[in-house]
Structure formats: C-alpha cells, structure tokens
C-alpha cells in the first residue's frame, strides 16, 4: 500500500496534527519533522506499533527507543526529576537535549532495550508535541532512517530509505538543524553534587550548554561543573 504524504505549513499544522493522531491511534507509523532530524514515530504504549517501528528501522533491540513528550508535565508521569535535571529541562526544553533517566513504573523492554533507563525529550517543534498532547502520552521519536544510514534532515531522505513501510509522511521542508539531539545523563553524588555525562554531543554543543549553566544560579547550586564524556 502506498504511503500517504502531506505537506505541512504553519497555516495547516493543526489539521496535520489531527491526521497524524488518527494514524497513530490506529497503530500506524508516521515520519514527522522535529527540531533536529525527521523522526519515525508511533504510540509508545502500543506494543505492536513499537515492534513494527523497530523492524522498519532495522534497529538493534538492545538500544531501546527514545520518547518525545508534549511538555515536562507529561514527562513527569514517567520520571521523577532531580533538582539538577529540572534545571536542564528549564534551560533546554523544548529543545535538542535528550536526557537518559530512570523510569517510574514498568516500561516495556521495547522502550528500554532491557536497561533500567529511558531516553526522554520535549522537542522544539509543534507537530511532535501536538501529537503527544493529542494522544495523551509520549510518542516514540527515533530518527527516520534505517539503522546505520544517514539521518534525515530532509523529508526525501527519510522517504527514500523507508518507502511504503510507513503509513504517513509529513513533509515540512528541510530541518533547521544539521545534527541530532545531544544525549546526556545526570550522575548524582550526595556529597559533591551532580555531574553531566555526555553520551552523544549533537545540536546542543557542550560549549553552549556550559555557557548557559555557568550563569544560572540554580545550576551552580547543584552542578559540580564536571562534564564527563562517555567512552566511545
């Protein structure tokens, strides 16, 4: 079956969001714009849809999949934020910062990859946030490419890779970004404070992150000023 394609412009965003919600509620997969690369999305609570997404992307199941939320309030149902994590969300959400956090409650292994953590983000784009708000829960928001292939910052790159295995493509033109989100984990120490472990540096550079934190009084209360880069 040929995938449906719609063109998104600011004046029809709400119609586009409504159509995407219909597809996702029906268990479908969509490709939608974000503030970074185009995302391959589904309802994260629909296990059949998540399984389909993982298969379409050819993703290693041990990696899990990231979740996109409408706002921090929606994300709080999945994770209890520490003081320093709240500083990061205040400064960089909505935006290109993904946090690796410990989930509350039972989260399927298709999301966690069998780990004790999940990747969460509130993107700075009305379409994925509007979809998450409309379905009253997070959407899976992994990049809309085959694993190992180039990330799609243009709609055509996603469509060339995924073809008719997706139910709906939303073409919003080229992304304003040329990099994926930055991924970090907050490491807490009861004595010293919180440090930042960088899993992947992306659209939000460490220079910009540190610059913002060093002039924020709350950040300086909770942060050790340490940036730790994960082993490659």
C-alpha atoms as a PDB file:
ATOM      1  CA  UNK A   1       0.000   0.000   0.000  1.00  0.00           C
ATOM      2  CA  UNK A   2       1.359   3.419  -0.971  1.00  0.00           C
ATOM      3  CA  UNK A   3       2.261   5.651   1.955  1.00  0.00           C
ATOM      4  CA  UNK A   4       0.255   8.834   2.426  1.00  0.00           C
ATOM      5  CA  UNK A   5       2.203  12.111   2.181  1.00  0.00           C
ATOM      6  CA  UNK A   6       1.001  15.501   3.396  1.00  0.00           C
ATOM      7  CA  UNK A   7       2.749  18.861   3.180  1.00  0.00           C
ATOM      8  CA  UNK A   8       2.866  20.835   6.415  1.00  0.00           C
ATOM      9  CA  UNK A   9       2.769  24.619   6.507  1.00  0.00           C
ATOM     10  CA  UNK A  10       2.166  26.800   9.532  1.00  0.00           C
ATOM     11  CA  UNK A  11      -1.401  27.536   8.489  1.00  0.00           C
ATOM     12  CA  UNK A  12      -2.358  23.835   8.375  1.00  0.00           C
ATOM     13  CA  UNK A  13      -0.344  22.463  11.306  1.00  0.00           C
ATOM     14  CA  UNK A  14      -3.431  21.644  13.376  1.00  0.00           C
ATOM     15  CA  UNK A  15      -5.004  19.703  10.514  1.00  0.00           C
ATOM     16  CA  UNK A  16      -1.736  17.831  10.016  1.00  0.00           C
ATOM     17  CA  UNK A  17      -1.511  17.035  13.731  1.00  0.00           C
ATOM     18  CA  UNK A  18      -5.100  15.763  13.738  1.00  0.00           C
ATOM     19  CA  UNK A  19      -4.393  13.470  10.777  1.00  0.00           C
ATOM     20  CA  UNK A  20      -1.207  12.162  12.423  1.00  0.00           C
ATOM     21  CA  UNK A  21      -3.113  11.434  15.639  1.00  0.00           C
ATOM     22  CA  UNK A  22      -5.659   9.389  13.657  1.00  0.00           C
ATOM     23  CA  UNK A  23      -2.904   7.307  12.070  1.00  0.00           C
ATOM     24  CA  UNK A  24      -1.049   6.771  15.333  1.00  0.00           C
ATOM     25  CA  UNK A  25      -4.197   5.852  17.267  1.00  0.00           C
ATOM     26  CA  UNK A  26      -4.848   3.246  14.571  1.00  0.00           C
ATOM     27  CA  UNK A  27      -1.446   1.681  15.279  1.00  0.00           C
ATOM     28  CA  UNK A  28       0.319   3.288  12.325  1.00  0.00           C
ATOM     29  CA  UNK A  29       3.800   4.684  11.809  1.00  0.00           C
ATOM     30  CA  UNK A  30       4.478   8.248  10.757  1.00  0.00           C
ATOM     31  CA  UNK A  31       7.504  10.276   9.712  1.00  0.00           C
ATOM     32  CA  UNK A  32       7.286  13.791  11.100  1.00  0.00           C
ATOM     33  CA  UNK A  33       9.520  16.840  11.424  1.00  0.00           C
ATOM     34  CA  UNK A  34      11.244  17.693  14.683  1.00  0.00           C
ATOM     35  CA  UNK A  35      13.695  20.410  15.641  1.00  0.00           C
ATOM     36  CA  UNK A  36      16.521  18.015  14.702  1.00  0.00           C
ATOM     37  CA  UNK A  37      16.211  15.213  12.139  1.00  0.00           C
ATOM     38  CA  UNK A  38      12.909  13.871  10.840  1.00  0.00           C
ATOM     39  CA  UNK A  39      11.515  11.336  13.300  1.00  0.00           C
ATOM     40  CA  UNK A  40       9.939   7.911  12.874  1.00  0.00           C
ATOM     41  CA  UNK A  41       7.073   7.869  15.355  1.00  0.00           C
ATOM     42  CA  UNK A  42       4.293   5.751  16.812  1.00  0.00           C
ATOM     43  CA  UNK A  43       2.314   5.476  20.047  1.00  0.00           C
ATOM     44  CA  UNK A  44       4.886   4.273  22.587  1.00  0.00           C
ATOM     45  CA  UNK A  45       2.136   2.457  24.532  1.00  0.00           C
ATOM     46  CA  UNK A  46       1.097   0.335  21.531  1.00  0.00           C
ATOM     47  CA  UNK A  47       3.498  -2.609  21.628  1.00  0.00           C
ATOM     48  CA  UNK A  48       2.541  -3.889  18.180  1.00  0.00           C
ATOM     49  CA  UNK A  49       3.302  -0.460  16.704  1.00  0.00           C
ATOM     50  CA  UNK A  50       6.627  -0.230  18.546  1.00  0.00           C
ATOM     51  CA  UNK A  51       7.606  -3.686  17.292  1.00  0.00           C
ATOM     52  CA  UNK A  52       6.716  -2.629  13.762  1.00  0.00           C
ATOM     53  CA  UNK A  53       8.779   0.564  14.111  1.00  0.00           C
ATOM     54  CA  UNK A  54      11.827  -1.362  15.346  1.00  0.00           C
ATOM     55  CA  UNK A  55      11.525  -3.755  12.398  1.00  0.00           C
ATOM     56  CA  UNK A  56      11.080  -0.974   9.836  1.00  0.00           C
ATOM     57  CA  UNK A  57      14.114   0.888  11.174  1.00  0.00           C
ATOM     58  CA  UNK A  58      16.115  -2.375  11.440  1.00  0.00           C
ATOM     59  CA  UNK A  59      17.092  -1.173  14.920  1.00  0.00           C
ATOM     60  CA  UNK A  60      19.071  -3.233  17.413  1.00  0.00           C
ATOM     61  CA  UNK A  61      16.532  -4.035  20.117  1.00  0.00           C
ATOM     62  CA  UNK A  62      19.119  -3.615  22.884  1.00  0.00           C
ATOM     63  CA  UNK A  63      19.254   0.126  22.110  1.00  0.00           C
ATOM     64  CA  UNK A  64      15.650   0.770  23.083  1.00  0.00           C
ATOM     65  CA  UNK A  65      13.863   3.778  21.570  1.00  0.00           C
ATOM     66  CA  UNK A  66      13.605   7.426  22.693  1.00  0.00           C
ATOM     67  CA  UNK A  67      10.362   9.059  23.807  1.00  0.00           C
ATOM     68  CA  UNK A  68       9.096  12.520  22.826  1.00  0.00           C
ATOM     69  CA  UNK A  69       6.680  14.332  25.154  1.00  0.00           C
ATOM     70  CA  UNK A  70       4.359  17.301  24.779  1.00  0.00           C
ATOM     71  CA  UNK A  71       5.821  19.056  27.844  1.00  0.00           C
ATOM     72  CA  UNK A  72       7.638  18.343  31.095  1.00  0.00           C
ATOM     73  CA  UNK A  73       4.354  17.745  32.952  1.00  0.00           C
ATOM     74  CA  UNK A  74       3.608  14.807  30.658  1.00  0.00           C
ATOM     75  CA  UNK A  75       7.159  13.523  31.125  1.00  0.00           C
ATOM     76  CA  UNK A  76       6.813  13.672  34.918  1.00  0.00           C
ATOM     77  CA  UNK A  77       4.448  10.705  34.767  1.00  0.00           C
ATOM     78  CA  UNK A  78       7.423   8.645  33.545  1.00  0.00           C
ATOM     79  CA  UNK A  79      10.265  10.030  35.699  1.00  0.00           C
ATOM     80  CA  UNK A  80      10.810  11.920  38.956  1.00  0.00           C
ATOM     81  CA  UNK A  81      13.238  14.705  38.089  1.00  0.00           C
ATOM     82  CA  UNK A  82      16.126  15.609  40.361  1.00  0.00           C
ATOM     83  CA  UNK A  83      16.900  19.254  41.145  1.00  0.00           C
ATOM     84  CA  UNK A  84      19.631  19.470  38.527  1.00  0.00           C
ATOM     85  CA  UNK A  85      17.615  17.629  35.893  1.00  0.00           C
ATOM     86  CA  UNK A  86      14.916  20.247  36.399  1.00  0.00           C
ATOM     87  CA  UNK A  87      17.496  22.971  35.746  1.00  0.00           C
ATOM     88  CA  UNK A  88      18.429  21.284  32.467  1.00  0.00           C
ATOM     89  CA  UNK A  89      14.809  20.949  31.369  1.00  0.00           C
ATOM     90  CA  UNK A  90      14.093  24.574  32.270  1.00  0.00           C
ATOM     91  CA  UNK A  91      17.052  25.811  30.240  1.00  0.00           C
ATOM     92  CA  UNK A  92      16.960  23.445  27.271  1.00  0.00           C
ATOM     93  CA  UNK A  93      13.393  22.165  26.823  1.00  0.00           C
ATOM     94  CA  UNK A  94      11.714  22.383  24.428  1.00  0.00           C
ATOM     95  CA  UNK A  95      14.920  21.716  22.552  1.00  0.00           C
ATOM     96  CA  UNK A  96      17.629  19.406  21.290  1.00  0.00           C
ATOM     97  CA  UNK A  97      18.586  17.833  24.638  1.00  0.00           C
ATOM     98  CA  UNK A  98      17.741  14.181  25.326  1.00  0.00           C
ATOM     99  CA  UNK A  99      18.026  13.019  28.934  1.00  0.00           C
ATOM    100  CA  UNK A 100      18.740   9.439  29.944  1.00  0.00           C
ATOM    101  CA  UNK A 101      16.694   8.914  33.113  1.00  0.00           C
ATOM    102  CA  UNK A 102      15.372   6.215  35.425  1.00  0.00           C
ATOM    103  CA  UNK A 103      11.712   5.469  34.658  1.00  0.00           C
ATOM    104  CA  UNK A 104       8.892   5.250  37.155  1.00  0.00           C
ATOM    105  CA  UNK A 105       6.780   2.122  36.967  1.00  0.00           C
ATOM    106  CA  UNK A 106       7.012  -0.693  34.455  1.00  0.00           C
ATOM    107  CA  UNK A 107       8.279   0.228  30.985  1.00  0.00           C
ATOM    108  CA  UNK A 108       8.345  -2.398  28.194  1.00  0.00           C
ATOM    109  CA  UNK A 109      11.727  -3.716  27.042  1.00  0.00           C
ATOM    110  CA  UNK A 110      10.971  -2.475  23.536  1.00  0.00           C
ATOM    111  CA  UNK A 111      11.373   1.034  25.000  1.00  0.00           C
ATOM    112  CA  UNK A 112      14.193   0.424  27.493  1.00  0.00           C
ATOM    113  CA  UNK A 113      16.174  -2.103  25.466  1.00  0.00           C
ATOM    114  CA  UNK A 114      16.271  -4.170  28.636  1.00  0.00           C
ATOM    115  CA  UNK A 115      18.111  -1.436  30.516  1.00  0.00           C
ATOM    116  CA  UNK A 116      16.974   0.378  33.630  1.00  0.00           C
ATOM    117  CA  UNK A 117      16.686   3.713  31.820  1.00  0.00           C
ATOM    118  CA  UNK A 118      14.751   5.575  29.148  1.00  0.00           C
ATOM    119  CA  UNK A 119      15.641   8.436  26.804  1.00  0.00           C
ATOM    120  CA  UNK A 120      13.241  11.402  27.058  1.00  0.00           C
ATOM    121  CA  UNK A 121      12.904  14.756  25.308  1.00  0.00           C
ATOM    122  CA  UNK A 122      10.480  17.604  24.694  1.00  0.00           C
ATOM    123  CA  UNK A 123      11.272  18.727  21.118  1.00  0.00           C
ATOM    124  CA  UNK A 124      11.092  22.320  19.963  1.00  0.00           C
ATOM    125  CA  UNK A 125       8.567  21.606  17.211  1.00  0.00           C
ATOM    126  CA  UNK A 126       4.799  21.960  17.383  1.00  0.00           C
ATOM    127  CA  UNK A 127       3.992  18.826  15.375  1.00  0.00           C
ATOM    128  CA  UNK A 128       5.512  16.070  17.551  1.00  0.00           C
ATOM    129  CA  UNK A 129       4.487  17.945  20.707  1.00  0.00           C
ATOM    130  CA  UNK A 130       0.948  18.335  19.390  1.00  0.00           C
ATOM    131  CA  UNK A 131       0.720  14.638  18.569  1.00  0.00           C
ATOM    132  CA  UNK A 132       1.909  13.633  22.054  1.00  0.00           C
ATOM    133  CA  UNK A 133      -0.589  16.051  23.578  1.00  0.00           C
ATOM    134  CA  UNK A 134      -3.369  14.676  21.374  1.00  0.00           C
ATOM    135  CA  UNK A 135      -2.798  11.025  22.251  1.00  0.00           C
ATOM    136  CA  UNK A 136      -2.205  11.925  25.923  1.00  0.00           C
ATOM    137  CA  UNK A 137       1.118  10.138  26.024  1.00  0.00           C
ATOM    138  CA  UNK A 138       4.620  10.088  24.563  1.00  0.00           C
ATOM    139  CA  UNK A 139       5.429   9.058  21.038  1.00  0.00           C
ATOM    140  CA  UNK A 140       8.474   7.084  20.028  1.00  0.00           C
ATOM    141  CA  UNK A 141      10.731   9.607  18.314  1.00  0.00           C
ATOM    142  CA  UNK A 142      13.739   7.888  16.759  1.00  0.00           C
ATOM    143  CA  UNK A 143      15.392   9.282  13.629  1.00  0.00           C
ATOM    144  CA  UNK A 144      13.553   8.275  10.444  1.00  0.00           C
ATOM    145  CA  UNK A 145      16.320   6.275   8.825  1.00  0.00           C
ATOM    146  CA  UNK A 146      17.434   2.678   8.514  1.00  0.00           C
ATOM    147  CA  UNK A 147      19.942   1.913  11.249  1.00  0.00           C
ATOM    148  CA  UNK A 148      23.426   2.767  10.028  1.00  0.00           C
ATOM    149  CA  UNK A 149      22.166   5.008   7.220  1.00  0.00           C
ATOM    150  CA  UNK A 150      22.341   8.845   7.179  1.00  0.00           C
ATOM    151  CA  UNK A 151      19.974  10.737   9.476  1.00  0.00           C
ATOM    152  CA  UNK A 152      17.236  12.501   7.500  1.00  0.00           C
ATOM    153  CA  UNK A 153      17.287  16.271   7.798  1.00  0.00           C
ATOM    154  CA  UNK A 154      15.200  16.381   4.622  1.00  0.00           C
ATOM    155  CA  UNK A 155      11.886  14.589   4.123  1.00  0.00           C
ATOM    156  CA  UNK A 156      13.101  12.960   0.888  1.00  0.00           C
ATOM    157  CA  UNK A 157      15.989  11.225   2.675  1.00  0.00           C
ATOM    158  CA  UNK A 158      13.553   9.547   5.060  1.00  0.00           C
ATOM    159  CA  UNK A 159      11.167   8.527   2.291  1.00  0.00           C
ATOM    160  CA  UNK A 160      13.958   7.127   0.124  1.00  0.00           C
ATOM    161  CA  UNK A 161      15.085   4.896   2.996  1.00  0.00           C
ATOM    162  CA  UNK A 162      11.754   3.796   4.484  1.00  0.00           C
ATOM    163  CA  UNK A 163       9.471   3.823   1.443  1.00  0.00           C
ATOM    164  CA  UNK A 164       5.974   2.412   1.845  1.00  0.00           C
ATOM    165  CA  UNK A 165       6.683   0.721   5.183  1.00  0.00           C
ATOM    166  CA  UNK A 166       5.476   3.964   6.812  1.00  0.00           C
ATOM    167  CA  UNK A 167       1.785   4.912   6.848  1.00  0.00           C
ATOM    168  CA  UNK A 168       2.091   8.708   6.805  1.00  0.00           C
ATOM    169  CA  UNK A 169       4.866  11.129   5.835  1.00  0.00           C
ATOM    170  CA  UNK A 170       4.684  14.766   6.921  1.00  0.00           C
ATOM    171  CA  UNK A 171       6.799  16.969   4.655  1.00  0.00           C
ATOM    172  CA  UNK A 172       7.685  20.223   6.416  1.00  0.00           C
ATOM    173  CA  UNK A 173      10.707  21.085   4.318  1.00  0.00           C
ATOM    174  CA  UNK A 174      14.366  20.849   5.362  1.00  0.00           C
ATOM    175  CA  UNK A 175      15.133  20.816   9.076  1.00  0.00           C
ATOM    176  CA  UNK A 176      16.689  23.941  10.547  1.00  0.00           C
ATOM    177  CA  UNK A 177      19.239  21.653  12.206  1.00  0.00           C
ATOM    178  CA  UNK A 178      22.053  19.612  10.711  1.00  0.00           C
ATOM    179  CA  UNK A 179      22.606  17.473  13.827  1.00  0.00           C
ATOM    180  CA  UNK A 180      20.637  15.114  16.025  1.00  0.00           C
ATOM    181  CA  UNK A 181      19.859  15.820  19.653  1.00  0.00           C
ATOM    182  CA  UNK A 182      22.550  15.847  22.314  1.00  0.00           C
ATOM    183  CA  UNK A 183      22.191  12.971  24.778  1.00  0.00           C
ATOM    184  CA  UNK A 184      23.280  13.293  28.410  1.00  0.00           C
ATOM    185  CA  UNK A 185      22.790  11.573  31.736  1.00  0.00           C
ATOM    186  CA  UNK A 186      22.925  13.328  35.112  1.00  0.00           C
ATOM    187  CA  UNK A 187      25.109  11.480  37.616  1.00  0.00           C
ATOM    188  CA  UNK A 188      24.215  12.366  41.188  1.00  0.00           C
ATOM    189  CA  UNK A 189      26.594  12.402  44.167  1.00  0.00           C
ATOM    190  CA  UNK A 190      25.042  13.182  47.549  1.00  0.00           C
ATOM    191  CA  UNK A 191      28.227  14.881  48.752  1.00  0.00           C
ATOM    192  CA  UNK A 192      29.620  16.660  45.699  1.00  0.00           C
ATOM    193  CA  UNK A 193      26.504  17.310  43.620  1.00  0.00           C
ATOM    194  CA  UNK A 194      25.514  16.454  40.057  1.00  0.00           C
ATOM    195  CA  UNK A 195      27.768  15.856  37.061  1.00  0.00           C
ATOM    196  CA  UNK A 196      26.862  15.605  33.377  1.00  0.00           C
ATOM    197  CA  UNK A 197      27.812  12.511  31.397  1.00  0.00           C
ATOM    198  CA  UNK A 198      27.715  13.132  27.650  1.00  0.00           C
ATOM    199  CA  UNK A 199      26.529  10.124  25.670  1.00  0.00           C
ATOM    200  CA  UNK A 200      26.355  11.971  22.345  1.00  0.00           C
ATOM    201  CA  UNK A 201      27.126  15.581  21.511  1.00  0.00           C
ATOM    202  CA  UNK A 202      24.760  16.896  18.880  1.00  0.00           C
ATOM    203  CA  UNK A 203      22.825  20.040  18.044  1.00  0.00           C
ATOM    204  CA  UNK A 204      23.251  21.421  21.570  1.00  0.00           C
ATOM    205  CA  UNK A 205      27.013  21.781  21.891  1.00  0.00           C
ATOM    206  CA  UNK A 206      28.763  21.371  25.217  1.00  0.00           C
ATOM    207  CA  UNK A 207      30.072  24.893  24.824  1.00  0.00           C
ATOM    208  CA  UNK A 208      26.547  26.291  24.637  1.00  0.00           C
ATOM    209  CA  UNK A 209      25.333  24.045  27.466  1.00  0.00           C
ATOM    210  CA  UNK A 210      28.156  25.062  29.813  1.00  0.00           C
ATOM    211  CA  UNK A 211      27.786  28.724  28.891  1.00  0.00           C
ATOM    212  CA  UNK A 212      24.127  28.647  29.924  1.00  0.00           C
ATOM    213  CA  UNK A 213      24.725  26.668  33.124  1.00  0.00           C
ATOM    214  CA  UNK A 214      27.543  28.873  34.396  1.00  0.00           C
ATOM    215  CA  UNK A 215      25.308  31.944  34.537  1.00  0.00           C
ATOM    216  CA  UNK A 216      22.354  30.167  36.157  1.00  0.00           C
ATOM    217  CA  UNK A 217      22.204  30.410  39.937  1.00  0.00           C
ATOM    218  CA  UNK A 218      20.226  27.181  40.369  1.00  0.00           C
ATOM    219  CA  UNK A 219      22.634  25.274  38.142  1.00  0.00           C
ATOM    220  CA  UNK A 220      25.584  26.442  40.214  1.00  0.00           C
ATOM    221  CA  UNK A 221      23.874  25.222  43.392  1.00  0.00           C
ATOM    222  CA  UNK A 222      23.503  21.647  42.159  1.00  0.00           C
ATOM    223  CA  UNK A 223      26.196  21.127  39.498  1.00  0.00           C
ATOM    224  CA  UNK A 224      29.797  20.078  40.187  1.00  0.00           C
ATOM    225  CA  UNK A 225      30.793  21.804  36.890  1.00  0.00           C
ATOM    226  CA  UNK A 226      32.065  18.414  35.673  1.00  0.00           C
ATOM    227  CA  UNK A 227      31.386  17.250  32.130  1.00  0.00           C
ATOM    228  CA  UNK A 228      32.238  13.573  31.584  1.00  0.00           C
ATOM    229  CA  UNK A 229      32.368  12.148  28.072  1.00  0.00           C
ATOM    230  CA  UNK A 230      31.238   8.544  27.686  1.00  0.00           C
ATOM    231  CA  UNK A 231      33.793   6.066  26.346  1.00  0.00           C
ATOM    232  CA  UNK A 232      33.464   5.562  22.619  1.00  0.00           C
END
